[in-house]
């Protein structure tokens, strides 16, 4: 159980229950894909292009025993992250961030 859940148990509150806080390890970028992954949080990475510009975020999601990936990008006008799509393939998620600018 996470520290957050323990904290709420000690205080007698039941505001939230976290069921799985296991971090998914950083994926290996396929050869020839010119990006880097910088850890932002457990199972969440900033995707940085060759010039050092952050082009989005990659979130790993456990789905039925497999790992899927969500491509996300910050939208300045709404001051929020927008989901660009969920992908079973790491390459597809990275291509989405690279080419959907």
PDB file of N, CA and C in Angstrom:
ATOM      1  N   UNK A   1       0.848  -1.167   0.000  1.00  0.00           N
ATOM      2  CA  UNK A   1       0.000   0.000   0.000  1.00  0.00           C
ATOM      3  C   UNK A   1       0.895   1.231   0.000  1.00  0.00           C
ATOM      4  N   UNK A   2       0.458   2.290  -0.616  1.00  0.00           N
ATOM      5  CA  UNK A   2       1.278   3.494  -0.733  1.00  0.00           C
ATOM      6  C   UNK A   2       1.300   4.295   0.560  1.00  0.00           C
ATOM      7  N   UNK A   3       2.256   5.222   0.640  1.00  0.00           N
ATOM      8  CA  UNK A   3       2.336   6.126   1.793  1.00  0.00           C
ATOM      9  C   UNK A   3       1.084   6.983   1.897  1.00  0.00           C
ATOM     10  N   UNK A   4       0.539   7.394   0.767  1.00  0.00           N
ATOM     11  CA  UNK A   4      -0.675   8.222   0.782  1.00  0.00           C
ATOM     12  C   UNK A   4      -1.820   7.465   1.435  1.00  0.00           C
ATOM     13  N   UNK A   5      -2.014   6.217   1.050  1.00  0.00           N
ATOM     14  CA  UNK A   5      -3.092   5.424   1.640  1.00  0.00           C
ATOM     15  C   UNK A   5      -2.869   5.234   3.131  1.00  0.00           C
ATOM     16  N   UNK A   6      -1.610   4.983   3.545  1.00  0.00           N
ATOM     17  CA  UNK A   6      -1.315   4.843   4.970  1.00  0.00           C
ATOM     18  C   UNK A   6      -1.624   6.132   5.726  1.00  0.00           C
ATOM     19  N   UNK A   7      -1.298   7.268   5.135  1.00  0.00           N
ATOM     20  CA  UNK A   7      -1.542   8.551   5.783  1.00  0.00           C
ATOM     21  C   UNK A   7      -3.037   8.734   6.058  1.00  0.00           C
ATOM     22  N   UNK A   8      -3.874   8.402   5.085  1.00  0.00           N
ATOM     23  CA  UNK A   8      -5.303   8.563   5.278  1.00  0.00           C
ATOM     24  C   UNK A   8      -5.849   7.563   6.293  1.00  0.00           C
ATOM     25  N   UNK A   9      -5.266   6.355   6.340  1.00  0.00           N
ATOM     26  CA  UNK A   9      -5.688   5.387   7.347  1.00  0.00           C
ATOM     27  C   UNK A   9      -5.377   5.895   8.747  1.00  0.00           C
ATOM     28  N   UNK A  10      -4.186   6.464   8.945  1.00  0.00           N
ATOM     29  CA  UNK A  10      -3.799   6.976  10.259  1.00  0.00           C
ATOM     30  C   UNK A  10      -4.717   8.104  10.710  1.00  0.00           C
ATOM     31  N   UNK A  11      -5.151   8.924   9.770  1.00  0.00           N
ATOM     32  CA  UNK A  11      -5.989  10.067  10.124  1.00  0.00           C
ATOM     33  C   UNK A  11      -7.472   9.708  10.146  1.00  0.00           C
ATOM     34  N   UNK A  12      -7.804   8.458   9.873  1.00  0.00           N
ATOM     35  CA  UNK A  12      -9.187   8.022   9.926  1.00  0.00           C
ATOM     36  C   UNK A  12     -10.021   8.493   8.748  1.00  0.00           C
ATOM     37  N   UNK A  13      -9.372   8.855   7.659  1.00  0.00           N
ATOM     38  CA  UNK A  13     -10.094   9.309   6.469  1.00  0.00           C
ATOM     39  C   UNK A  13     -10.003   8.244   5.388  1.00  0.00           C
ATOM     40  N   UNK A  14     -10.975   8.228   4.541  1.00  0.00           N
ATOM     41  CA  UNK A  14     -10.963   7.325   3.399  1.00  0.00           C
ATOM     42  C   UNK A  14     -11.237   8.145   2.145  1.00  0.00           C
ATOM     43  N   UNK A  15     -10.301   9.042   1.810  1.00  0.00           N
ATOM     44  CA  UNK A  15     -10.499   9.918   0.668  1.00  0.00           C
ATOM     45  C   UNK A  15     -10.127   9.252  -0.646  1.00  0.00           C
ATOM     46  N   UNK A  16      -9.156   8.363  -0.601  1.00  0.00           N
ATOM     47  CA  UNK A  16      -8.706   7.755  -1.839  1.00  0.00           C
ATOM     48  C   UNK A  16      -8.028   6.440  -1.520  1.00  0.00           C
ATOM     49  N   UNK A  17      -8.126   5.516  -2.445  1.00  0.00           N
ATOM     50  CA  UNK A  17      -7.411   4.259  -2.327  1.00  0.00           C
ATOM     51  C   UNK A  17      -6.601   4.063  -3.592  1.00  0.00           C
ATOM     52  N   UNK A  18      -5.313   3.883  -3.436  1.00  0.00           N
ATOM     53  CA  UNK A  18      -4.453   3.586  -4.568  1.00  0.00           C
ATOM     54  C   UNK A  18      -4.267   2.082  -4.613  1.00  0.00           C
ATOM     55  N   UNK A  19      -4.576   1.480  -5.746  1.00  0.00           N
ATOM     56  CA  UNK A  19      -4.506   0.033  -5.815  1.00  0.00           C
ATOM     57  C   UNK A  19      -3.163  -0.468  -6.324  1.00  0.00           C
ATOM     58  N   UNK A  20      -2.565   0.236  -7.288  1.00  0.00           N
ATOM     59  CA  UNK A  20      -1.302  -0.237  -7.840  1.00  0.00           C
ATOM     60  C   UNK A  20      -0.386   0.949  -8.068  1.00  0.00           C
ATOM     61  N   UNK A  21       0.657   1.038  -7.255  1.00  0.00           N
ATOM     62  CA  UNK A  21       1.597   2.143  -7.398  1.00  0.00           C
ATOM     63  C   UNK A  21       2.938   1.662  -7.944  1.00  0.00           C
ATOM     64  N   UNK A  22       2.955   0.468  -8.509  1.00  0.00           N
ATOM     65  CA  UNK A  22       4.181  -0.083  -9.060  1.00  0.00           C
ATOM     66  C   UNK A  22       4.574   0.692 -10.313  1.00  0.00           C
ATOM     67  N   UNK A  23       5.797   1.181 -10.335  1.00  0.00           N
ATOM     68  CA  UNK A  23       6.283   1.913 -11.504  1.00  0.00           C
ATOM     69  C   UNK A  23       6.655   0.932 -12.610  1.00  0.00           C
ATOM     70  N   UNK A  24       6.305   1.278 -13.810  1.00  0.00           N
ATOM     71  CA  UNK A  24       6.685   0.494 -14.975  1.00  0.00           C
ATOM     72  C   UNK A  24       8.058   0.999 -15.413  1.00  0.00           C
ATOM     73  N   UNK A  25       9.015   0.108 -15.657  1.00  0.00           N
ATOM     74  CA  UNK A  25      10.361   0.566 -16.016  1.00  0.00           C
ATOM     75  C   UNK A  25      10.372   1.365 -17.320  1.00  0.00           C
ATOM     76  N   UNK A  26      11.381   2.247 -17.441  1.00  0.00           N
ATOM     77  CA  UNK A  26      11.505   3.070 -18.639  1.00  0.00           C
ATOM     78  C   UNK A  26      11.656   2.178 -19.864  1.00  0.00           C
ATOM     79  N   UNK A  27      10.855   2.438 -20.907  1.00  0.00           N
ATOM     80  CA  UNK A  27      10.969   1.630 -22.125  1.00  0.00           C
ATOM     81  C   UNK A  27      12.255   1.957 -22.885  1.00  0.00           C
ATOM     82  N   UNK A  28      12.680   1.021 -23.692  1.00  0.00           N
ATOM     83  CA  UNK A  28      13.860   1.214 -24.531  1.00  0.00           C
ATOM     84  C   UNK A  28      13.418   1.820 -25.857  1.00  0.00           C
ATOM     85  N   UNK A  29      14.004   2.955 -26.202  1.00  0.00           N
ATOM     86  CA  UNK A  29      13.648   3.636 -27.447  1.00  0.00           C
ATOM     87  C   UNK A  29      14.177   2.820 -28.624  1.00  0.00           C
ATOM     88  N   UNK A  30      13.328   2.602 -29.636  1.00  0.00           N
ATOM     89  CA  UNK A  30      13.787   1.844 -30.806  1.00  0.00           C
ATOM     90  C   UNK A  30      14.945   2.554 -31.514  1.00  0.00           C
ATOM     91  N   UNK A  31      15.843   1.794 -32.137  1.00  0.00           N
ATOM     92  CA  UNK A  31      16.961   2.406 -32.860  1.00  0.00           C
ATOM     93  C   UNK A  31      16.459   3.357 -33.951  1.00  0.00           C
ATOM     94  N   UNK A  32      17.146   4.474 -34.099  1.00  0.00           N
ATOM     95  CA  UNK A  32      16.805   5.422 -35.155  1.00  0.00           C
ATOM     96  C   UNK A  32      15.749   6.443 -34.791  1.00  0.00           C
ATOM     97  N   UNK A  33      15.156   6.332 -33.609  1.00  0.00           N
ATOM     98  CA  UNK A  33      14.151   7.313 -33.181  1.00  0.00           C
ATOM     99  C   UNK A  33      14.888   8.399 -32.396  1.00  0.00           C
ATOM    100  N   UNK A  34      14.914   9.635 -32.920  1.00  0.00           N
ATOM    101  CA  UNK A  34      15.756  10.688 -32.340  1.00  0.00           C
ATOM    102  C   UNK A  34      15.120  11.419 -31.159  1.00  0.00           C
ATOM    103  N   UNK A  35      14.800  10.695 -30.107  1.00  0.00           N
ATOM    104  CA  UNK A  35      14.242  11.307 -28.899  1.00  0.00           C
ATOM    105  C   UNK A  35      14.923  10.719 -27.670  1.00  0.00           C
ATOM    106  N   UNK A  36      14.747  11.405 -26.551  1.00  0.00           N
ATOM    107  CA  UNK A  36      15.187  10.903 -25.246  1.00  0.00           C
ATOM    108  C   UNK A  36      13.971  10.867 -24.336  1.00  0.00           C
ATOM    109  N   UNK A  37      14.011  10.001 -23.339  1.00  0.00           N
ATOM    110  CA  UNK A  37      12.974   9.969 -22.313  1.00  0.00           C
ATOM    111  C   UNK A  37      13.591  10.417 -20.999  1.00  0.00           C
ATOM    112  N   UNK A  38      12.994  11.433 -20.384  1.00  0.00           N
ATOM    113  CA  UNK A  38      13.439  11.925 -19.085  1.00  0.00           C
ATOM    114  C   UNK A  38      12.323  11.679 -18.085  1.00  0.00           C
ATOM    115  N   UNK A  39      12.649  11.027 -16.977  1.00  0.00           N
ATOM    116  CA  UNK A  39      11.618  10.663 -16.006  1.00  0.00           C
ATOM    117  C   UNK A  39      10.956  11.902 -15.415  1.00  0.00           C
ATOM    118  N   UNK A  40       9.621  11.911 -15.432  1.00  0.00           N
ATOM    119  CA  UNK A  40       8.837  12.997 -14.846  1.00  0.00           C
ATOM    120  C   UNK A  40       8.133  12.524 -13.578  1.00  0.00           C
ATOM    121  N   UNK A  41       7.753  11.252 -13.543  1.00  0.00           N
ATOM    122  CA  UNK A  41       7.059  10.632 -12.408  1.00  0.00           C
ATOM    123  C   UNK A  41       7.111   9.124 -12.650  1.00  0.00           C
ATOM    124  N   UNK A  42       6.684   8.319 -11.670  1.00  0.00           N
ATOM    125  CA  UNK A  42       6.638   6.881 -11.932  1.00  0.00           C
ATOM    126  C   UNK A  42       5.755   6.588 -13.153  1.00  0.00           C
ATOM    127  N   UNK A  43       6.281   5.861 -14.105  1.00  0.00           N
ATOM    128  CA  UNK A  43       5.576   5.467 -15.332  1.00  0.00           C
ATOM    129  C   UNK A  43       5.206   6.648 -16.228  1.00  0.00           C
ATOM    130  N   UNK A  44       5.903   7.784 -16.089  1.00  0.00           N
ATOM    131  CA  UNK A  44       5.646   8.966 -16.916  1.00  0.00           C
ATOM    132  C   UNK A  44       6.979   9.602 -17.291  1.00  0.00           C
ATOM    133  N   UNK A  45       7.167   9.858 -18.586  1.00  0.00           N
ATOM    134  CA  UNK A  45       8.420  10.426 -19.072  1.00  0.00           C
ATOM    135  C   UNK A  45       8.161  11.615 -19.984  1.00  0.00           C
ATOM    136  N   UNK A  46       9.047  12.609 -19.908  1.00  0.00           N
ATOM    137  CA  UNK A  46       9.049  13.701 -20.879  1.00  0.00           C
ATOM    138  C   UNK A  46       9.764  13.185 -22.118  1.00  0.00           C
ATOM    139  N   UNK A  47       9.185  13.457 -23.280  1.00  0.00           N
ATOM    140  CA  UNK A  47       9.809  13.068 -24.540  1.00  0.00           C
ATOM    141  C   UNK A  47      10.482  14.316 -25.103  1.00  0.00           C
ATOM    142  N   UNK A  48      11.804  14.225 -25.263  1.00  0.00           N
ATOM    143  CA  UNK A  48      12.617  15.367 -25.679  1.00  0.00           C
ATOM    144  C   UNK A  48      13.216  15.071 -27.049  1.00  0.00           C
ATOM    145  N   UNK A  49      13.074  16.034 -27.984  1.00  0.00           N
ATOM    146  CA  UNK A  49      13.631  15.819 -29.322  1.00  0.00           C
ATOM    147  C   UNK A  49      15.123  16.138 -29.355  1.00  0.00           C
ATOM    148  N   UNK A  50      15.711  16.007 -30.519  1.00  0.00           N
ATOM    149  CA  UNK A  50      17.149  16.190 -30.707  1.00  0.00           C
ATOM    150  C   UNK A  50      17.650  17.556 -30.254  1.00  0.00           C
ATOM    151  N   UNK A  51      16.807  18.588 -30.434  1.00  0.00           N
ATOM    152  CA  UNK A  51      17.219  19.953 -30.083  1.00  0.00           C
ATOM    153  C   UNK A  51      17.048  20.252 -28.596  1.00  0.00           C
ATOM    154  N   UNK A  52      16.489  19.301 -27.839  1.00  0.00           N
ATOM    155  CA  UNK A  52      16.285  19.499 -26.408  1.00  0.00           C
ATOM    156  C   UNK A  52      14.910  20.024 -26.052  1.00  0.00           C
ATOM    157  N   UNK A  53      14.037  20.119 -27.038  1.00  0.00           N
ATOM    158  CA  UNK A  53      12.676  20.616 -26.821  1.00  0.00           C
ATOM    159  C   UNK A  53      11.763  19.478 -26.353  1.00  0.00           C
ATOM    160  N   UNK A  54      10.975  19.748 -25.312  1.00  0.00           N
ATOM    161  CA  UNK A  54      10.002  18.752 -24.842  1.00  0.00           C
ATOM    162  C   UNK A  54       8.844  18.739 -25.837  1.00  0.00           C
ATOM    163  N   UNK A  55       8.591  17.580 -26.437  1.00  0.00           N
ATOM    164  CA  UNK A  55       7.524  17.482 -27.433  1.00  0.00           C
ATOM    165  C   UNK A  55       6.275  16.802 -26.882  1.00  0.00           C
ATOM    166  N   UNK A  56       6.329  16.336 -25.652  1.00  0.00           N
ATOM    167  CA  UNK A  56       5.163  15.718 -25.044  1.00  0.00           C
ATOM    168  C   UNK A  56       5.559  14.808 -23.900  1.00  0.00           C
ATOM    169  N   UNK A  57       4.587  14.049 -23.457  1.00  0.00           N
ATOM    170  CA  UNK A  57       4.806  13.090 -22.379  1.00  0.00           C
ATOM    171  C   UNK A  57       4.356  11.714 -22.840  1.00  0.00           C
ATOM    172  N   UNK A  58       5.040  10.715 -22.328  1.00  0.00           N
ATOM    173  CA  UNK A  58       4.699   9.322 -22.581  1.00  0.00           C
ATOM    174  C   UNK A  58       4.340   8.701 -21.245  1.00  0.00           C
ATOM    175  N   UNK A  59       3.144   8.148 -21.162  1.00  0.00           N
ATOM    176  CA  UNK A  59       2.692   7.512 -19.928  1.00  0.00           C
ATOM    177  C   UNK A  59       2.514   6.027 -20.199  1.00  0.00           C
ATOM    178  N   UNK A  60       3.138   5.194 -19.380  1.00  0.00           N
ATOM    179  CA  UNK A  60       2.981   3.744 -19.497  1.00  0.00           C
ATOM    180  C   UNK A  60       1.776   3.320 -18.675  1.00  0.00           C
ATOM    181  N   UNK A  61       0.948   2.466 -19.259  1.00  0.00           N
ATOM    182  CA  UNK A  61      -0.274   2.001 -18.610  1.00  0.00           C
ATOM    183  C   UNK A  61      -0.315   0.478 -18.614  1.00  0.00           C
ATOM    184  N   UNK A  62      -0.554  -0.114 -17.451  1.00  0.00           N
ATOM    185  CA  UNK A  62      -0.720  -1.564 -17.374  1.00  0.00           C
ATOM    186  C   UNK A  62      -2.152  -1.887 -17.775  1.00  0.00           C
ATOM    187  N   UNK A  63      -2.281  -2.699 -18.813  1.00  0.00           N
ATOM    188  CA  UNK A  63      -3.609  -3.057 -19.323  1.00  0.00           C
ATOM    189  C   UNK A  63      -3.689  -4.567 -19.479  1.00  0.00           C
ATOM    190  N   UNK A  64      -4.363  -5.213 -18.562  1.00  0.00           N
ATOM    191  CA  UNK A  64      -4.562  -6.654 -18.653  1.00  0.00           C
ATOM    192  C   UNK A  64      -3.279  -7.459 -18.755  1.00  0.00           C
ATOM    193  N   UNK A  65      -2.278  -7.114 -17.979  1.00  0.00           N
ATOM    194  CA  UNK A  65      -1.028  -7.851 -17.990  1.00  0.00           C
ATOM    195  C   UNK A  65      -0.028  -7.377 -19.029  1.00  0.00           C
ATOM    196  N   UNK A  66      -0.449  -6.506 -19.932  1.00  0.00           N
ATOM    197  CA  UNK A  66       0.460  -5.945 -20.939  1.00  0.00           C
ATOM    198  C   UNK A  66       0.677  -4.467 -20.628  1.00  0.00           C
ATOM    199  N   UNK A  67       1.626  -3.868 -21.314  1.00  0.00           N
ATOM    200  CA  UNK A  67       1.895  -2.445 -21.124  1.00  0.00           C
ATOM    201  C   UNK A  67       1.504  -1.699 -22.391  1.00  0.00           C
ATOM    202  N   UNK A  68       0.695  -0.671 -22.220  1.00  0.00           N
ATOM    203  CA  UNK A  68       0.337   0.222 -23.316  1.00  0.00           C
ATOM    204  C   UNK A  68       0.925   1.590 -23.034  1.00  0.00           C
ATOM    205  N   UNK A  69       0.836   2.479 -24.009  1.00  0.00           N
ATOM    206  CA  UNK A  69       1.425   3.806 -23.873  1.00  0.00           C
ATOM    207  C   UNK A  69       0.423   4.872 -24.283  1.00  0.00           C
ATOM    208  N   UNK A  70       0.397   5.950 -23.522  1.00  0.00           N
ATOM    209  CA  UNK A  70      -0.458   7.100 -23.830  1.00  0.00           C
ATOM    210  C   UNK A  70       0.442   8.276 -24.195  1.00  0.00           C
ATOM    211  N   UNK A  71       0.183   8.879 -25.347  1.00  0.00           N
ATOM    212  CA  UNK A  71       0.905  10.078 -25.779  1.00  0.00           C
ATOM    213  C   UNK A  71       0.099  11.288 -25.322  1.00  0.00           C
ATOM    214  N   UNK A  72       0.780  12.232 -24.656  1.00  0.00           N
ATOM    215  CA  UNK A  72       0.113  13.424 -24.125  1.00  0.00           C
ATOM    216  C   UNK A  72       0.929  14.654 -24.493  1.00  0.00           C
ATOM    217  N   UNK A  73       0.232  15.770 -24.662  1.00  0.00           N
ATOM    218  CA  UNK A  73       0.915  17.031 -24.968  1.00  0.00           C
ATOM    219  C   UNK A  73       0.236  18.155 -24.209  1.00  0.00           C
ATOM    220  N   UNK A  74       1.056  19.098 -23.742  1.00  0.00           N
ATOM    221  CA  UNK A  74       0.522  20.261 -23.035  1.00  0.00           C
ATOM    222  C   UNK A  74      -0.087  21.219 -24.046  1.00  0.00           C
ATOM    223  N   UNK A  75      -1.304  21.667 -23.763  1.00  0.00           N
ATOM    224  CA  UNK A  75      -2.010  22.625 -24.607  1.00  0.00           C
ATOM    225  C   UNK A  75      -2.067  23.936 -23.840  1.00  0.00           C
ATOM    226  N   UNK A  76      -1.261  24.912 -24.265  1.00  0.00           N
ATOM    227  CA  UNK A  76      -1.105  26.164 -23.520  1.00  0.00           C
ATOM    228  C   UNK A  76      -2.416  26.934 -23.378  1.00  0.00           C
ATOM    229  N   UNK A  77      -3.227  26.965 -24.421  1.00  0.00           N
ATOM    230  CA  UNK A  77      -4.467  27.750 -24.378  1.00  0.00           C
ATOM    231  C   UNK A  77      -5.420  27.261 -23.292  1.00  0.00           C
ATOM    232  N   UNK A  78      -5.489  25.946 -23.100  1.00  0.00           N
ATOM    233  CA  UNK A  78      -6.392  25.400 -22.077  1.00  0.00           C
ATOM    234  C   UNK A  78      -5.667  25.128 -20.763  1.00  0.00           C
ATOM    235  N   UNK A  79      -4.336  25.300 -20.771  1.00  0.00           N
ATOM    236  CA  UNK A  79      -3.507  25.035 -19.589  1.00  0.00           C
ATOM    237  C   UNK A  79      -3.712  23.624 -19.050  1.00  0.00           C
ATOM    238  N   UNK A  80      -3.780  22.684 -19.971  1.00  0.00           N
ATOM    239  CA  UNK A  80      -4.025  21.292 -19.582  1.00  0.00           C
ATOM    240  C   UNK A  80      -3.292  20.362 -20.546  1.00  0.00           C
ATOM    241  N   UNK A  81      -3.088  19.137 -20.098  1.00  0.00           N
ATOM    242  CA  UNK A  81      -2.528  18.120 -20.973  1.00  0.00           C
ATOM    243  C   UNK A  81      -3.660  17.468 -21.752  1.00  0.00           C
ATOM    244  N   UNK A  82      -3.427  17.255 -23.029  1.00  0.00           N
ATOM    245  CA  UNK A  82      -4.400  16.588 -23.883  1.00  0.00           C
ATOM    246  C   UNK A  82      -3.862  15.215 -24.260  1.00  0.00           C
ATOM    247  N   UNK A  83      -4.719  14.210 -24.173  1.00  0.00           N
ATOM    248  CA  UNK A  83      -4.335  12.869 -24.605  1.00  0.00           C
ATOM    249  C   UNK A  83      -4.408  12.825 -26.123  1.00  0.00           C
ATOM    250  N   UNK A  84      -3.311  12.446 -26.765  1.00  0.00           N
ATOM    251  CA  UNK A  84      -3.289  12.321 -28.220  1.00  0.00           C
ATOM    252  C   UNK A  84      -3.697  10.929 -28.668  1.00  0.00           C
ATOM    253  N   UNK A  85      -3.543   9.949 -27.796  1.00  0.00           N
ATOM    254  CA  UNK A  85      -3.944   8.593 -28.136  1.00  0.00           C
ATOM    255  C   UNK A  85      -3.294   7.562 -27.244  1.00  0.00           C
ATOM    256  N   UNK A  86      -3.898   6.377 -27.217  1.00  0.00           N
ATOM    257  CA  UNK A  86      -3.367   5.218 -26.494  1.00  0.00           C
ATOM    258  C   UNK A  86      -2.871   4.223 -27.531  1.00  0.00           C
ATOM    259  N   UNK A  87      -1.705   3.638 -27.271  1.00  0.00           N
ATOM    260  CA  UNK A  87      -1.057   2.765 -28.243  1.00  0.00           C
ATOM    261  C   UNK A  87      -0.512   1.527 -27.548  1.00  0.00           C
ATOM    262  N   UNK A  88      -0.553   0.387 -28.243  1.00  0.00           N
ATOM    263  CA  UNK A  88       0.077  -0.824 -27.732  1.00  0.00           C
ATOM    264  C   UNK A  88       1.560  -0.807 -28.038  1.00  0.00           C
ATOM    265  N   UNK A  89       1.949  -0.039 -29.058  1.00  0.00           N
ATOM    266  CA  UNK A  89       3.341  -0.004 -29.503  1.00  0.00           C
ATOM    267  C   UNK A  89       4.023   1.280 -29.039  1.00  0.00           C
ATOM    268  N   UNK A  90       5.202   1.151 -28.448  1.00  0.00           N
ATOM    269  CA  UNK A  90       5.998   2.307 -28.055  1.00  0.00           C
ATOM    270  C   UNK A  90       6.346   3.150 -29.277  1.00  0.00           C
ATOM    271  N   UNK A  91       6.721   2.503 -30.373  1.00  0.00           N
ATOM    272  CA  UNK A  91       7.073   3.230 -31.599  1.00  0.00           C
ATOM    273  C   UNK A  91       5.919   4.091 -32.089  1.00  0.00           C
ATOM    274  N   UNK A  92       4.704   3.551 -32.054  1.00  0.00           N
ATOM    275  CA  UNK A  92       3.540   4.316 -32.507  1.00  0.00           C
ATOM    276  C   UNK A  92       3.288   5.527 -31.614  1.00  0.00           C
ATOM    277  N   UNK A  93       3.427   5.355 -30.311  1.00  0.00           N
ATOM    278  CA  UNK A  93       3.214   6.470 -29.379  1.00  0.00           C
ATOM    279  C   UNK A  93       4.258   7.564 -29.602  1.00  0.00           C
ATOM    280  N   UNK A  94       5.516   7.167 -29.794  1.00  0.00           N
ATOM    281  CA  UNK A  94       6.569   8.151 -30.041  1.00  0.00           C
ATOM    282  C   UNK A  94       6.375   8.842 -31.387  1.00  0.00           C
ATOM    283  N   UNK A  95       5.974   8.094 -32.412  1.00  0.00           N
ATOM    284  CA  UNK A  95       5.708   8.704 -33.721  1.00  0.00           C
ATOM    285  C   UNK A  95       4.570   9.711 -33.635  1.00  0.00           C
ATOM    286  N   UNK A  96       3.559   9.408 -32.847  1.00  0.00           N
ATOM    287  CA  UNK A  96       2.451  10.340 -32.652  1.00  0.00           C
ATOM    288  C   UNK A  96       2.976  11.668 -32.112  1.00  0.00           C
ATOM    289  N   UNK A  97       3.828  11.617 -31.116  1.00  0.00           N
ATOM    290  CA  UNK A  97       4.377  12.848 -30.542  1.00  0.00           C
ATOM    291  C   UNK A  97       5.320  13.555 -31.518  1.00  0.00           C
ATOM    292  N   UNK A  98       6.088  12.801 -32.262  1.00  0.00           N
ATOM    293  CA  UNK A  98       7.062  13.413 -33.181  1.00  0.00           C
ATOM    294  C   UNK A  98       6.399  14.077 -34.373  1.00  0.00           C
ATOM    295  N   UNK A  99       5.360  13.458 -34.925  1.00  0.00           N
ATOM    296  CA  UNK A  99       4.806  13.936 -36.193  1.00  0.00           C
ATOM    297  C   UNK A  99       3.512  14.732 -36.058  1.00  0.00           C
ATOM    298  N   UNK A 100       2.866  14.704 -34.915  1.00  0.00           N
ATOM    299  CA  UNK A 100       1.604  15.452 -34.723  1.00  0.00           C
ATOM    300  C   UNK A 100       1.891  16.752 -33.991  1.00  0.00           C
ATOM    301  N   UNK A 101       2.595  17.649 -34.651  1.00  0.00           N
ATOM    302  CA  UNK A 101       2.941  18.929 -34.013  1.00  0.00           C
ATOM    303  C   UNK A 101       2.080  20.024 -34.547  1.00  0.00           C
TER     304      UNK A 101
END
